[in-house]
Amino acid sequence: MLKRLDHPNVKIMADTNYFIAGNWPIEDIKKAPELIVHTHTAGIKGQPGVGDMTAYHTKMFQVLKSIGYTKTVGIACPWVSTKGGALDFKYEAENR
């Protein structure tokens, strides 16, 4: 659709949530790399830490590398406790 529109100010955000929901191969990013302005990812059901997405994200970054992608990747990630139990924001946010 964007190739037909051919407008320099209209670009694509490649969001892995849609790739997963649509059961589309992440390699589809290679179809129009010149149109991608941003990529976004998360884990299963929108947040990392839910299921193991290591293989998927490894593949995604391999695809991005293969097209020479040097722009931004946004990642939806919640604050989680690294020491167990309830989130202690002050502890997690400290510069250690």
Protein backbone atom coordinates (compact mmCIF):
# COMPACT_ATOMS: atom_id res chain seq x y z
CA MET A 1 0.00 0.00 0.00
CA LEU A 2 2.76 2.46 0.90
CA LYS A 3 4.67 1.74 -2.28
CA ARG A 4 1.55 2.67 -4.27
CA LEU A 5 1.04 5.80 -2.18
CA ASP A 6 4.67 6.77 -2.76
CA HIS A 7 4.72 9.65 -0.28
CA PRO A 8 8.06 10.46 1.37
CA ASN A 9 6.48 11.27 4.75
CA VAL A 10 4.52 8.03 5.18
CA LYS A 11 6.55 5.14 6.59
CA ILE A 12 6.09 1.84 8.43
CA MET A 13 6.55 0.85 12.05
CA ALA A 14 7.32 -2.87 12.03
CA ASP A 15 5.63 -4.10 15.21
CA THR A 16 6.26 -7.75 16.11
CA ASN A 17 2.92 -7.95 17.92
CA TYR A 18 1.25 -7.77 14.50
CA PHE A 19 3.66 -10.24 12.94
CA ILE A 20 2.86 -12.72 15.71
CA ALA A 21 -0.91 -12.07 15.69
CA GLY A 22 -1.08 -12.36 11.90
CA ASN A 23 1.21 -15.38 11.84
CA TRP A 24 3.45 -13.49 9.37
CA PRO A 25 7.12 -14.39 9.00
CA ILE A 26 9.48 -11.80 10.48
CA GLU A 27 11.42 -12.04 7.21
CA ASP A 28 8.62 -9.97 5.64
CA ILE A 29 10.55 -6.97 6.98
CA LYS A 30 12.90 -7.55 4.04
CA LYS A 31 10.13 -6.74 1.54
CA ALA A 32 10.38 -2.98 2.00
CA PRO A 33 13.26 -2.06 4.31
CA GLU A 34 13.41 1.45 2.87
CA LEU A 35 9.95 2.15 4.30
CA ILE A 36 10.68 1.11 7.89
CA VAL A 37 11.10 4.07 10.20
CA HIS A 38 10.90 2.21 13.51
CA THR A 39 10.55 -1.32 14.87
CA HIS A 40 8.76 -2.34 18.02
CA THR A 41 8.72 -5.58 19.93
CA ALA A 42 7.46 -7.14 23.12
CA GLY A 43 6.85 -10.58 24.50
CA ILE A 44 3.87 -12.88 24.22
CA LYS A 45 0.65 -11.01 25.00
CA GLY A 46 2.38 -7.66 24.80
CA GLN A 47 5.01 -7.93 27.49
CA PRO A 48 8.42 -9.53 27.81
CA GLY A 49 8.87 -12.07 30.54
CA VAL A 50 5.77 -13.96 29.43
CA GLY A 51 7.05 -17.06 27.71
CA ASP A 52 10.42 -17.53 26.08
CA MET A 53 10.89 -15.20 23.10
CA THR A 54 14.69 -15.61 22.81
CA ALA A 55 14.64 -17.47 19.48
CA TYR A 56 12.09 -15.08 17.98
CA HIS A 57 13.98 -11.95 19.04
CA THR A 58 17.29 -13.42 17.88
CA LYS A 59 15.75 -14.04 14.46
CA MET A 60 14.24 -10.54 14.40
CA PHE A 61 17.60 -8.88 15.08
CA GLN A 62 19.26 -11.11 12.46
CA VAL A 63 16.70 -9.93 9.90
CA LEU A 64 17.25 -6.30 10.90
CA LYS A 65 21.01 -6.75 10.59
CA SER A 66 20.63 -8.38 7.17
CA ILE A 67 18.85 -5.28 5.80
CA GLY A 68 21.36 -2.90 7.35
CA TYR A 69 18.78 -1.47 9.76
CA THR A 70 20.32 1.24 11.96
CA LYS A 71 17.21 3.00 13.24
CA THR A 72 15.38 2.54 16.54
CA VAL A 73 13.88 -0.54 18.17
CA GLY A 74 11.28 0.13 20.83
CA ILE A 75 10.73 -2.55 23.43
CA ALA A 76 7.65 -2.80 25.66
CA CYS A 77 8.83 -4.09 28.97
CA PRO A 78 7.33 -3.84 32.42
CA TRP A 79 9.27 -3.18 35.58
CA VAL A 80 9.73 -6.48 37.36
CA SER A 81 11.35 -7.37 40.64
CA THR A 82 14.86 -8.77 40.23
CA LYS A 83 14.91 -9.93 43.84
CA GLY A 84 11.48 -11.59 43.94
CA GLY A 85 8.28 -10.46 45.55
CA ALA A 86 6.59 -7.13 45.03
CA LEU A 87 8.27 -4.51 42.87
CA ASP A 88 10.55 -2.19 44.84
CA PHE A 89 10.84 0.67 42.35
CA LYS A 90 13.49 2.56 44.34
CA TYR A 91 15.72 -0.54 44.47
CA GLU A 92 15.19 -1.41 40.78
CA ALA A 93 15.78 2.18 39.61
CA GLU A 94 19.03 2.69 41.56
CA ASN A 95 22.13 3.17 39.48
CA ARG A 96 24.14 0.10 40.50
